[in-house]
PDB file of N, CA and C in Angstrom:
ATOM      1  N   UNK A   1      -0.347  88.942  35.851  1.00  0.00           N
ATOM      2  CA  UNK A   1       1.082  88.981  36.142  1.00  0.00           C
ATOM      3  C   UNK A   1       1.455  90.392  36.629  1.00  0.00           C
ATOM      4  N   UNK A   2       2.185  90.460  37.701  1.00  0.00           N
ATOM      5  CA  UNK A   2       2.624  91.742  38.244  1.00  0.00           C
ATOM      6  C   UNK A   2       3.809  92.264  37.436  1.00  0.00           C
ATOM      7  N   UNK A   3       3.857  93.574  37.221  1.00  0.00           N
ATOM      8  CA  UNK A   3       4.989  94.133  36.475  1.00  0.00           C
ATOM      9  C   UNK A   3       6.207  94.241  37.395  1.00  0.00           C
ATOM     10  N   UNK A   4       7.371  94.026  36.813  1.00  0.00           N
ATOM     11  CA  UNK A   4       8.629  94.083  37.545  1.00  0.00           C
ATOM     12  C   UNK A   4       9.262  95.451  37.335  1.00  0.00           C
ATOM     13  N   UNK A   5       9.654  96.093  38.431  1.00  0.00           N
ATOM     14  CA  UNK A   5      10.340  97.382  38.399  1.00  0.00           C
ATOM     15  C   UNK A   5      11.821  97.104  38.669  1.00  0.00           C
ATOM     16  N   UNK A   6      12.672  97.448  37.714  1.00  0.00           N
ATOM     17  CA  UNK A   6      14.103  97.222  37.875  1.00  0.00           C
ATOM     18  C   UNK A   6      14.765  98.396  38.568  1.00  0.00           C
ATOM     19  N   UNK A   7      15.682  98.071  39.461  1.00  0.00           N
ATOM     20  CA  UNK A   7      16.491  99.048  40.181  1.00  0.00           C
ATOM     21  C   UNK A   7      17.958  98.680  39.975  1.00  0.00           C
ATOM     22  N   UNK A   8      18.896  99.572  40.277  1.00  0.00           N
ATOM     23  CA  UNK A   8      20.312  99.229  40.090  1.00  0.00           C
ATOM     24  C   UNK A   8      20.768  98.038  40.944  1.00  0.00           C
ATOM     25  N   UNK A   9      20.117  97.809  42.068  1.00  0.00           N
ATOM     26  CA  UNK A   9      20.493  96.746  43.004  1.00  0.00           C
ATOM     27  C   UNK A   9      19.676  95.467  42.829  1.00  0.00           C
ATOM     28  N   UNK A  10      18.630  95.482  42.006  1.00  0.00           N
ATOM     29  CA  UNK A  10      17.771  94.314  41.822  1.00  0.00           C
ATOM     30  C   UNK A  10      16.445  94.708  41.208  1.00  0.00           C
ATOM     31  N   UNK A  11      15.350  94.171  41.757  1.00  0.00           N
ATOM     32  CA  UNK A  11      14.029  94.482  41.212  1.00  0.00           C
ATOM     33  C   UNK A  11      12.953  94.222  42.267  1.00  0.00           C
ATOM     34  N   UNK A  12      11.725  94.708  41.966  1.00  0.00           N
ATOM     35  CA  UNK A  12      10.606  94.411  42.854  1.00  0.00           C
ATOM     36  C   UNK A  12       9.309  94.349  42.071  1.00  0.00           C
ATOM     37  N   UNK A  13       8.334  93.702  42.690  1.00  0.00           N
ATOM     38  CA  UNK A  13       6.963  93.662  42.189  1.00  0.00           C
ATOM     39  C   UNK A  13       6.047  94.027  43.348  1.00  0.00           C
ATOM     40  N   UNK A  14       5.059  94.877  43.089  1.00  0.00           N
ATOM     41  CA  UNK A  14       4.028  95.157  44.096  1.00  0.00           C
ATOM     42  C   UNK A  14       3.021  94.019  44.010  1.00  0.00           C
ATOM     43  N   UNK A  15       2.814  93.331  45.142  1.00  0.00           N
ATOM     44  CA  UNK A  15       1.911  92.184  45.144  1.00  0.00           C
ATOM     45  C   UNK A  15       0.586  92.457  45.850  1.00  0.00           C
ATOM     46  N   UNK A  16       0.524  93.548  46.622  1.00  0.00           N
ATOM     47  CA  UNK A  16      -0.745  93.948  47.243  1.00  0.00           C
ATOM     48  C   UNK A  16      -0.618  95.398  47.672  1.00  0.00           C
ATOM     49  N   UNK A  17      -1.767  96.076  47.743  1.00  0.00           N
ATOM     50  CA  UNK A  17      -1.768  97.499  48.069  1.00  0.00           C
ATOM     51  C   UNK A  17      -3.104  97.841  48.702  1.00  0.00           C
ATOM     52  N   UNK A  18      -3.073  98.664  49.747  1.00  0.00           N
ATOM     53  CA  UNK A  18      -4.281  99.159  50.383  1.00  0.00           C
ATOM     54  C   UNK A  18      -4.107 100.619  50.750  1.00  0.00           C
ATOM     55  N   UNK A  19      -5.046 101.163  51.506  1.00  0.00           N
ATOM     56  CA  UNK A  19      -5.006 102.583  51.856  1.00  0.00           C
ATOM     57  C   UNK A  19      -3.723 102.963  52.599  1.00  0.00           C
ATOM     58  N   UNK A  20      -3.294 102.145  53.557  1.00  0.00           N
ATOM     59  CA  UNK A  20      -2.134 102.472  54.393  1.00  0.00           C
ATOM     60  C   UNK A  20      -0.972 101.506  54.257  1.00  0.00           C
ATOM     61  N   UNK A  21      -0.999 100.624  53.259  1.00  0.00           N
ATOM     62  CA  UNK A  21       0.085  99.651  53.133  1.00  0.00           C
ATOM     63  C   UNK A  21       0.369  99.294  51.679  1.00  0.00           C
ATOM     64  N   UNK A  22       1.608  98.846  51.447  1.00  0.00           N
ATOM     65  CA  UNK A  22       2.043  98.288  50.169  1.00  0.00           C
ATOM     66  C   UNK A  22       2.880  97.056  50.500  1.00  0.00           C
ATOM     67  N   UNK A  23       2.655  95.964  49.771  1.00  0.00           N
ATOM     68  CA  UNK A  23       3.435  94.737  49.952  1.00  0.00           C
ATOM     69  C   UNK A  23       4.214  94.480  48.663  1.00  0.00           C
ATOM     70  N   UNK A  24       5.531  94.280  48.813  1.00  0.00           N
ATOM     71  CA  UNK A  24       6.404  94.075  47.657  1.00  0.00           C
ATOM     72  C   UNK A  24       7.163  92.759  47.778  1.00  0.00           C
ATOM     73  N   UNK A  25       7.398  92.147  46.634  1.00  0.00           N
ATOM     74  CA  UNK A  25       8.301  91.017  46.500  1.00  0.00           C
ATOM     75  C   UNK A  25       9.594  91.606  45.934  1.00  0.00           C
ATOM     76  N   UNK A  26      10.704  91.513  46.678  1.00  0.00           N
ATOM     77  CA  UNK A  26      11.952  92.173  46.295  1.00  0.00           C
ATOM     78  C   UNK A  26      13.050  91.142  46.055  1.00  0.00           C
ATOM     79  N   UNK A  27      13.810  91.349  44.985  1.00  0.00           N
ATOM     80  CA  UNK A  27      14.979  90.529  44.678  1.00  0.00           C
ATOM     81  C   UNK A  27      16.203  91.440  44.724  1.00  0.00           C
ATOM     82  N   UNK A  28      17.213  91.059  45.527  1.00  0.00           N
ATOM     83  CA  UNK A  28      18.451  91.822  45.624  1.00  0.00           C
ATOM     84  C   UNK A  28      19.546  91.020  44.931  1.00  0.00           C
ATOM     85  N   UNK A  29      20.162  91.611  43.925  1.00  0.00           N
ATOM     86  CA  UNK A  29      21.212  90.940  43.171  1.00  0.00           C
ATOM     87  C   UNK A  29      22.424  90.640  44.052  1.00  0.00           C
ATOM     88  N   UNK A  30      23.218  89.631  43.665  1.00  0.00           N
ATOM     89  CA  UNK A  30      24.450  89.341  44.401  1.00  0.00           C
ATOM     90  C   UNK A  30      25.355  90.575  44.481  1.00  0.00           C
ATOM     91  N   UNK A  31      25.970  90.779  45.639  1.00  0.00           N
ATOM     92  CA  UNK A  31      26.930  91.862  45.875  1.00  0.00           C
ATOM     93  C   UNK A  31      26.344  93.233  45.550  1.00  0.00           C
ATOM     94  N   UNK A  32      25.084  93.441  45.933  1.00  0.00           N
ATOM     95  CA  UNK A  32      24.387  94.714  45.698  1.00  0.00           C
ATOM     96  C   UNK A  32      23.773  95.210  46.995  1.00  0.00           C
ATOM     97  N   UNK A  33      23.500  96.519  47.033  1.00  0.00           N
ATOM     98  CA  UNK A  33      22.857  97.101  48.211  1.00  0.00           C
ATOM     99  C   UNK A  33      22.047  98.312  47.804  1.00  0.00           C
ATOM    100  N   UNK A  34      21.060  98.616  48.622  1.00  0.00           N
ATOM    101  CA  UNK A  34      20.252  99.818  48.406  1.00  0.00           C
ATOM    102  C   UNK A  34      20.992 101.027  48.971  1.00  0.00           C
ATOM    103  N   UNK A  35      20.447 102.198  48.727  1.00  0.00           N
ATOM    104  CA  UNK A  35      21.013 103.399  49.335  1.00  0.00           C
ATOM    105  C   UNK A  35      20.736 103.380  50.842  1.00  0.00           C
ATOM    106  N   UNK A  36      21.556 104.123  51.591  1.00  0.00           N
ATOM    107  CA  UNK A  36      21.262 104.376  52.997  1.00  0.00           C
ATOM    108  C   UNK A  36      20.211 105.474  52.976  1.00  0.00           C
ATOM    109  N   UNK A  37      19.041 105.207  53.554  1.00  0.00           N
ATOM    110  CA  UNK A  37      17.906 106.108  53.400  1.00  0.00           C
ATOM    111  C   UNK A  37      17.022 106.111  54.631  1.00  0.00           C
ATOM    112  N   UNK A  38      16.076 107.039  54.631  1.00  0.00           N
ATOM    113  CA  UNK A  38      15.032 107.072  55.664  1.00  0.00           C
ATOM    114  C   UNK A  38      13.740 107.555  55.012  1.00  0.00           C
ATOM    115  N   UNK A  39      12.646 107.442  55.767  1.00  0.00           N
ATOM    116  CA  UNK A  39      11.331 107.852  55.280  1.00  0.00           C
ATOM    117  C   UNK A  39      10.610 108.634  56.376  1.00  0.00           C
ATOM    118  N   UNK A  40       9.968 109.727  55.992  1.00  0.00           N
ATOM    119  CA  UNK A  40       9.220 110.546  56.946  1.00  0.00           C
ATOM    120  C   UNK A  40       7.785 110.087  57.146  1.00  0.00           C
ATOM    121  N   UNK A  41       7.267 109.262  56.238  1.00  0.00           N
ATOM    122  CA  UNK A  41       5.841 108.953  56.266  1.00  0.00           C
ATOM    123  C   UNK A  41       5.511 107.472  56.318  1.00  0.00           C
ATOM    124  N   UNK A  42       6.506 106.599  56.420  1.00  0.00           N
ATOM    125  CA  UNK A  42       6.213 105.169  56.469  1.00  0.00           C
ATOM    126  C   UNK A  42       7.268 104.406  57.251  1.00  0.00           C
ATOM    127  N   UNK A  43       6.822 103.310  57.831  1.00  0.00           N
ATOM    128  CA  UNK A  43       7.721 102.317  58.407  1.00  0.00           C
ATOM    129  C   UNK A  43       7.757 101.140  57.442  1.00  0.00           C
ATOM    130  N   UNK A  44       8.689 100.216  57.671  1.00  0.00           N
ATOM    131  CA  UNK A  44       8.810  99.051  56.806  1.00  0.00           C
ATOM    132  C   UNK A  44       9.062  97.804  57.640  1.00  0.00           C
ATOM    133  N   UNK A  45       8.644  96.677  57.094  1.00  0.00           N
ATOM    134  CA  UNK A  45       8.951  95.360  57.649  1.00  0.00           C
ATOM    135  C   UNK A  45       9.602  94.555  56.530  1.00  0.00           C
ATOM    136  N   UNK A  46      10.716  93.890  56.822  1.00  0.00           N
ATOM    137  CA  UNK A  46      11.379  93.027  55.842  1.00  0.00           C
ATOM    138  C   UNK A  46      11.354  91.594  56.349  1.00  0.00           C
ATOM    139  N   UNK A  47      10.906  90.669  55.510  1.00  0.00           N
ATOM    140  CA  UNK A  47      10.923  89.243  55.827  1.00  0.00           C
ATOM    141  C   UNK A  47      11.766  88.549  54.760  1.00  0.00           C
ATOM    142  N   UNK A  48      12.821  87.871  55.176  1.00  0.00           N
ATOM    143  CA  UNK A  48      13.678  87.164  54.231  1.00  0.00           C
ATOM    144  C   UNK A  48      13.015  85.835  53.883  1.00  0.00           C
ATOM    145  N   UNK A  49      12.855  85.571  52.592  1.00  0.00           N
ATOM    146  CA  UNK A  49      12.266  84.307  52.155  1.00  0.00           C
ATOM    147  C   UNK A  49      13.285  83.415  51.453  1.00  0.00           C
ATOM    148  N   UNK A  50      14.415  84.008  51.021  1.00  0.00           N
ATOM    149  CA  UNK A  50      15.465  83.215  50.374  1.00  0.00           C
ATOM    150  C   UNK A  50      16.790  83.948  50.474  1.00  0.00           C
ATOM    151  N   UNK A  51      17.825  83.264  50.947  1.00  0.00           N
ATOM    152  CA  UNK A  51      19.158  83.846  51.017  1.00  0.00           C
ATOM    153  C   UNK A  51      19.464  84.469  52.365  1.00  0.00           C
ATOM    154  N   UNK A  52      20.551  85.252  52.381  1.00  0.00           N
ATOM    155  CA  UNK A  52      21.032  85.909  53.597  1.00  0.00           C
ATOM    156  C   UNK A  52      21.106  87.409  53.349  1.00  0.00           C
ATOM    157  N   UNK A  53      20.395  88.173  54.155  1.00  0.00           N
ATOM    158  CA  UNK A  53      20.314  89.626  54.019  1.00  0.00           C
ATOM    159  C   UNK A  53      21.100  90.303  55.126  1.00  0.00           C
ATOM    160  N   UNK A  54      21.849  91.342  54.756  1.00  0.00           N
ATOM    161  CA  UNK A  54      22.462  92.216  55.748  1.00  0.00           C
ATOM    162  C   UNK A  54      21.583  93.453  55.858  1.00  0.00           C
ATOM    163  N   UNK A  55      20.957  93.641  56.999  1.00  0.00           N
ATOM    164  CA  UNK A  55      20.071  94.784  57.234  1.00  0.00           C
ATOM    165  C   UNK A  55      20.769  95.761  58.175  1.00  0.00           C
ATOM    166  N   UNK A  56      20.860  97.011  57.748  1.00  0.00           N
ATOM    167  CA  UNK A  56      21.418  98.065  58.594  1.00  0.00           C
ATOM    168  C   UNK A  56      20.275  98.984  59.004  1.00  0.00           C
ATOM    169  N   UNK A  57      20.105  99.179  60.309  1.00  0.00           N
ATOM    170  CA  UNK A  57      19.065 100.060  60.837  1.00  0.00           C
ATOM    171  C   UNK A  57      19.707 100.943  61.900  1.00  0.00           C
ATOM    172  N   UNK A  58      19.734 102.246  61.647  1.00  0.00           N
ATOM    173  CA  UNK A  58      20.335 103.226  62.560  1.00  0.00           C
ATOM    174  C   UNK A  58      21.743 102.812  62.997  1.00  0.00           C
ATOM    175  N   UNK A  59      22.540 102.349  62.030  1.00  0.00           N
ATOM    176  CA  UNK A  59      23.934 101.997  62.289  1.00  0.00           C
ATOM    177  C   UNK A  59      24.177 100.588  62.793  1.00  0.00           C
ATOM    178  N   UNK A  60      23.134  99.869  63.173  1.00  0.00           N
ATOM    179  CA  UNK A  60      23.283  98.499  63.663  1.00  0.00           C
ATOM    180  C   UNK A  60      23.065  97.513  62.511  1.00  0.00           C
ATOM    181  N   UNK A  61      24.037  96.616  62.314  1.00  0.00           N
ATOM    182  CA  UNK A  61      23.950  95.613  61.256  1.00  0.00           C
ATOM    183  C   UNK A  61      23.418  94.317  61.840  1.00  0.00           C
ATOM    184  N   UNK A  62      22.394  93.749  61.165  1.00  0.00           N
ATOM    185  CA  UNK A  62      21.805  92.472  61.553  1.00  0.00           C
ATOM    186  C   UNK A  62      21.826  91.564  60.334  1.00  0.00           C
ATOM    187  N   UNK A  63      22.288  90.328  60.524  1.00  0.00           N
ATOM    188  CA  UNK A  63      22.282  89.334  59.449  1.00  0.00           C
ATOM    189  C   UNK A  63      21.015  88.496  59.605  1.00  0.00           C
ATOM    190  N   UNK A  64      20.222  88.447  58.546  1.00  0.00           N
ATOM    191  CA  UNK A  64      18.953  87.721  58.570  1.00  0.00           C
ATOM    192  C   UNK A  64      18.979  86.586  57.557  1.00  0.00           C
ATOM    193  N   UNK A  65      18.509  85.427  57.984  1.00  0.00           N
ATOM    194  CA  UNK A  65      18.385  84.253  57.124  1.00  0.00           C
ATOM    195  C   UNK A  65      16.915  84.070  56.762  1.00  0.00           C
ATOM    196  N   UNK A  66      16.625  83.083  55.920  1.00  0.00           N
ATOM    197  CA  UNK A  66      15.241  82.769  55.546  1.00  0.00           C
ATOM    198  C   UNK A  66      14.376  82.591  56.779  1.00  0.00           C
ATOM    199  N   UNK A  67      13.160  83.132  56.724  1.00  0.00           N
ATOM    200  CA  UNK A  67      12.166  83.072  57.796  1.00  0.00           C
ATOM    201  C   UNK A  67      12.501  83.966  58.980  1.00  0.00           C
ATOM    202  N   UNK A  68      13.386  84.941  58.799  1.00  0.00           N
ATOM    203  CA  UNK A  68      13.657  85.942  59.828  1.00  0.00           C
ATOM    204  C   UNK A  68      13.228  87.298  59.295  1.00  0.00           C
ATOM    205  N   UNK A  69      12.930  88.221  60.221  1.00  0.00           N
ATOM    206  CA  UNK A  69      12.418  89.525  59.810  1.00  0.00           C
ATOM    207  C   UNK A  69      12.995  90.639  60.670  1.00  0.00           C
ATOM    208  N   UNK A  70      12.794  91.873  60.184  1.00  0.00           N
ATOM    209  CA  UNK A  70      13.237  93.052  60.925  1.00  0.00           C
ATOM    210  C   UNK A  70      12.250  94.184  60.663  1.00  0.00           C
ATOM    211  N   UNK A  71      12.059  95.033  61.667  1.00  0.00           N
ATOM    212  CA  UNK A  71      11.183  96.194  61.577  1.00  0.00           C
ATOM    213  C   UNK A  71      12.036  97.438  61.387  1.00  0.00           C
ATOM    214  N   UNK A  72      11.646  98.286  60.427  1.00  0.00           N
ATOM    215  CA  UNK A  72      12.329  99.550  60.150  1.00  0.00           C
ATOM    216  C   UNK A  72      11.393 100.675  60.592  1.00  0.00           C
ATOM    217  N   UNK A  73      11.670 101.304  61.748  1.00  0.00           N
ATOM    218  CA  UNK A  73      10.763 102.355  62.233  1.00  0.00           C
ATOM    219  C   UNK A  73      10.769 103.605  61.349  1.00  0.00           C
ATOM    220  N   UNK A  74       9.733 104.398  61.473  1.00  0.00           N
ATOM    221  CA  UNK A  74       9.635 105.698  60.824  1.00  0.00           C
ATOM    222  C   UNK A  74      10.903 106.494  61.119  1.00  0.00           C
ATOM    223  N   UNK A  75      11.482 107.126  60.105  1.00  0.00           N
ATOM    224  CA  UNK A  75      12.660 107.993  60.196  1.00  0.00           C
ATOM    225  C   UNK A  75      13.983 107.274  60.460  1.00  0.00           C
ATOM    226  N   UNK A  76      13.994 105.952  60.557  1.00  0.00           N
ATOM    227  CA  UNK A  76      15.244 105.220  60.792  1.00  0.00           C
ATOM    228  C   UNK A  76      16.097 105.213  59.521  1.00  0.00           C
ATOM    229  N   UNK A  77      17.397 105.439  59.677  1.00  0.00           N
ATOM    230  CA  UNK A  77      18.320 105.298  58.549  1.00  0.00           C
ATOM    231  C   UNK A  77      18.539 103.805  58.341  1.00  0.00           C
ATOM    232  N   UNK A  78      18.312 103.344  57.105  1.00  0.00           N
ATOM    233  CA  UNK A  78      18.390 101.902  56.862  1.00  0.00           C
ATOM    234  C   UNK A  78      18.904 101.588  55.460  1.00  0.00           C
ATOM    235  N   UNK A  79      19.345 100.329  55.322  1.00  0.00           N
ATOM    236  CA  UNK A  79      19.860  99.836  54.046  1.00  0.00           C
ATOM    237  C   UNK A  79      19.754  98.319  54.053  1.00  0.00           C
ATOM    238  N   UNK A  80      19.496  97.750  52.881  1.00  0.00           N
ATOM    239  CA  UNK A  80      19.575  96.302  52.741  1.00  0.00           C
ATOM    240  C   UNK A  80      20.741  95.978  51.826  1.00  0.00           C
ATOM    241  N   UNK A  81      21.411  94.843  52.085  1.00  0.00           N
ATOM    242  CA  UNK A  81      22.573  94.460  51.285  1.00  0.00           C
ATOM    243  C   UNK A  81      22.611  92.955  51.116  1.00  0.00           C
ATOM    244  N   UNK A  82      23.072  92.547  49.945  1.00  0.00           N
ATOM    245  CA  UNK A  82      23.297  91.140  49.638  1.00  0.00           C
ATOM    246  C   UNK A  82      24.785  90.986  49.368  1.00  0.00           C
ATOM    247  N   UNK A  83      25.508  90.392  50.306  1.00  0.00           N
ATOM    248  CA  UNK A  83      26.951  90.218  50.168  1.00  0.00           C
ATOM    249  C   UNK A  83      27.319  88.841  49.626  1.00  0.00           C
ATOM    250  N   UNK A  84      26.333  88.069  49.198  1.00  0.00           N
ATOM    251  CA  UNK A  84      26.573  86.698  48.753  1.00  0.00           C
ATOM    252  C   UNK A  84      26.666  86.609  47.233  1.00  0.00           C
ATOM    253  N   UNK A  85      26.879  85.395  46.745  1.00  0.00           N
ATOM    254  CA  UNK A  85      26.981  85.131  45.308  1.00  0.00           C
ATOM    255  C   UNK A  85      25.648  84.724  44.691  1.00  0.00           C
ATOM    256  N   UNK A  86      24.580  84.691  45.486  1.00  0.00           N
ATOM    257  CA  UNK A  86      23.260  84.298  44.983  1.00  0.00           C
ATOM    258  C   UNK A  86      22.240  85.383  45.315  1.00  0.00           C
ATOM    259  N   UNK A  87      21.110  85.372  44.619  1.00  0.00           N
ATOM    260  CA  UNK A  87      20.052  86.353  44.875  1.00  0.00           C
ATOM    261  C   UNK A  87      19.493  86.212  46.281  1.00  0.00           C
ATOM    262  N   UNK A  88      19.020  87.322  46.825  1.00  0.00           N
ATOM    263  CA  UNK A  88      18.264  87.337  48.075  1.00  0.00           C
ATOM    264  C   UNK A  88      16.858  87.795  47.736  1.00  0.00           C
ATOM    265  N   UNK A  89      15.867  87.116  48.309  1.00  0.00           N
ATOM    266  CA  UNK A  89      14.475  87.501  48.105  1.00  0.00           C
ATOM    267  C   UNK A  89      13.856  87.851  49.447  1.00  0.00           C
ATOM    268  N   UNK A  90      13.149  88.978  49.471  1.00  0.00           N
ATOM    269  CA  UNK A  90      12.449  89.385  50.691  1.00  0.00           C
ATOM    270  C   UNK A  90      11.030  89.832  50.333  1.00  0.00           C
ATOM    271  N   UNK A  91      10.178  89.818  51.339  1.00  0.00           N
ATOM    272  CA  UNK A  91       8.869  90.462  51.265  1.00  0.00           C
ATOM    273  C   UNK A  91       8.996  91.727  52.099  1.00  0.00           C
ATOM    274  N   UNK A  92       8.619  92.857  51.513  1.00  0.00           N
ATOM    275  CA  UNK A  92       8.685  94.138  52.210  1.00  0.00           C
ATOM    276  C   UNK A  92       7.273  94.683  52.344  1.00  0.00           C
ATOM    277  N   UNK A  93       6.950  95.153  53.541  1.00  0.00           N
ATOM    278  CA  UNK A  93       5.649  95.783  53.778  1.00  0.00           C
ATOM    279  C   UNK A  93       5.897  97.221  54.215  1.00  0.00           C
ATOM    280  N   UNK A  94       5.342  98.158  53.449  1.00  0.00           N
ATOM    281  CA  UNK A  94       5.341  99.563  53.847  1.00  0.00           C
ATOM    282  C   UNK A  94       4.045  99.826  54.599  1.00  0.00           C
ATOM    283  N   UNK A  95       4.127 100.628  55.663  1.00  0.00           N
ATOM    284  CA  UNK A  95       2.915 101.036  56.364  1.00  0.00           C
ATOM    285  C   UNK A  95       3.031 102.520  56.697  1.00  0.00           C
ATOM    286  N   UNK A  96       2.045 103.306  56.276  1.00  0.00           N
ATOM    287  CA  UNK A  96       2.079 104.731  56.569  1.00  0.00           C
ATOM    288  C   UNK A  96       1.024 105.495  55.801  1.00  0.00           C
ATOM    289  N   UNK A  97       1.149 106.827  55.836  1.00  0.00           N
ATOM    290  CA  UNK A  97       0.130 107.657  55.190  1.00  0.00           C
ATOM    291  C   UNK A  97       0.565 108.211  53.838  1.00  0.00           C
ATOM    292  N   UNK A  98       1.843 108.117  53.489  1.00  0.00           N
ATOM    293  CA  UNK A  98       2.323 108.436  52.149  1.00  0.00           C
ATOM    294  C   UNK A  98       3.155 107.245  51.695  1.00  0.00           C
ATOM    295  N   UNK A  99       2.715 106.617  50.612  1.00  0.00           N
ATOM    296  CA  UNK A  99       3.317 105.345  50.192  1.00  0.00           C
ATOM    297  C   UNK A  99       3.799 105.440  48.751  1.00  0.00           C
ATOM    298  N   UNK A 100       4.851 106.231  48.537  1.00  0.00           N
ATOM    299  CA  UNK A 100       5.419 106.310  47.208  1.00  0.00           C
ATOM    300  C   UNK A 100       6.925 106.518  47.296  1.00  0.00           C
ATOM    301  N   UNK A 101       7.586 106.381  46.160  1.00  0.00           N
ATOM    302  CA  UNK A 101       9.044 106.494  46.100  1.00  0.00           C
ATOM    303  C   UNK A 101       9.532 107.906  46.433  1.00  0.00           C
ATOM    304  N   UNK A 102       8.635 108.893  46.430  1.00  0.00           N
ATOM    305  CA  UNK A 102       9.019 110.256  46.769  1.00  0.00           C
ATOM    306  C   UNK A 102       9.366 110.450  48.237  1.00  0.00           C
ATOM    307  N   UNK A 103       8.997 109.489  49.077  1.00  0.00           N
ATOM    308  CA  UNK A 103       9.285 109.565  50.517  1.00  0.00           C
ATOM    309  C   UNK A 103      10.607 108.863  50.834  1.00  0.00           C
ATOM    310  N   UNK A 104      11.630 109.191  50.063  1.00  0.00           N
ATOM    311  CA  UNK A 104      12.965 108.632  50.304  1.00  0.00           C
ATOM    312  C   UNK A 104      13.936 109.786  50.505  1.00  0.00           C
ATOM    313  N   UNK A 105      14.633 109.772  51.626  1.00  0.00           N
ATOM    314  CA  UNK A 105      15.734 110.698  51.883  1.00  0.00           C
ATOM    315  C   UNK A 105      17.003 109.857  51.817  1.00  0.00           C
ATOM    316  N   UNK A 106      17.853 110.109  50.821  1.00  0.00           N
ATOM    317  CA  UNK A 106      19.074 109.324  50.633  1.00  0.00           C
ATOM    318  C   UNK A 106      20.254 110.023  51.295  1.00  0.00           C
ATOM    319  N   UNK A 107      21.058 109.223  52.018  1.00  0.00           N
ATOM    320  CA  UNK A 107      22.266 109.727  52.673  1.00  0.00           C
ATOM    321  C   UNK A 107      23.521 109.245  51.952  1.00  0.00           C
ATOM    322  N   UNK A 108      23.490 108.011  51.469  1.00  0.00           N
ATOM    323  CA  UNK A 108      24.597 107.430  50.699  1.00  0.00           C
ATOM    324  C   UNK A 108      23.982 106.594  49.593  1.00  0.00           C
ATOM    325  N   UNK A 109      24.549 106.674  48.378  1.00  0.00           N
ATOM    326  CA  UNK A 109      24.037 105.877  47.279  1.00  0.00           C
ATOM    327  C   UNK A 109      25.160 105.637  46.281  1.00  0.00           C
ATOM    328  N   UNK A 110      25.533 104.376  46.108  1.00  0.00           N
ATOM    329  CA  UNK A 110      26.629 104.067  45.192  1.00  0.00           C
ATOM    330  C   UNK A 110      26.220 104.191  43.721  1.00  0.00           C
ATOM    331  N   UNK A 111      24.935 104.415  43.464  1.00  0.00           N
ATOM    332  CA  UNK A 111      24.441 104.573  42.095  1.00  0.00           C
ATOM    333  C   UNK A 111      24.196 106.049  41.737  1.00  0.00           C
ATOM    334  N   UNK A 112      24.632 106.957  42.622  1.00  0.00           N
ATOM    335  CA  UNK A 112      24.558 108.405  42.410  1.00  0.00           C
ATOM    336  C   UNK A 112      23.135 108.919  42.201  1.00  0.00           C
ATOM    337  N   UNK A 113      22.170 108.295  42.897  1.00  0.00           N
ATOM    338  CA  UNK A 113      20.801 108.823  42.854  1.00  0.00           C
ATOM    339  C   UNK A 113      20.645 109.852  43.964  1.00  0.00           C
ATOM    340  N   UNK A 114      19.753 110.806  43.777  1.00  0.00           N
ATOM    341  CA  UNK A 114      19.499 111.857  44.772  1.00  0.00           C
ATOM    342  C   UNK A 114      18.221 111.582  45.521  1.00  0.00           C
TER     343      UNK A 114
END
């Protein structure tokens, strides 16, 4: 069983990991969002598997439904949001040469994290 990491906006489980990638199963709580952030060492891919996700990438908002995906390039300012009354589930793939939570530059965060 994979361990669940709780965040203020939901939770995630790491489901696979290699030298240059990490694959996560992410749950976003209703009416929650991540910080507006960027990464210097990794890109990301988000695939919606359940619900409706609002993805912001470099100021552009895209609404994604189940079986739709979006690419988050290196250094792009991005955020995921769940504006609905039900959970949203996504698969997230990190790809890069530094794959840890330390590679987060936060610009806005409603949970007052730095």
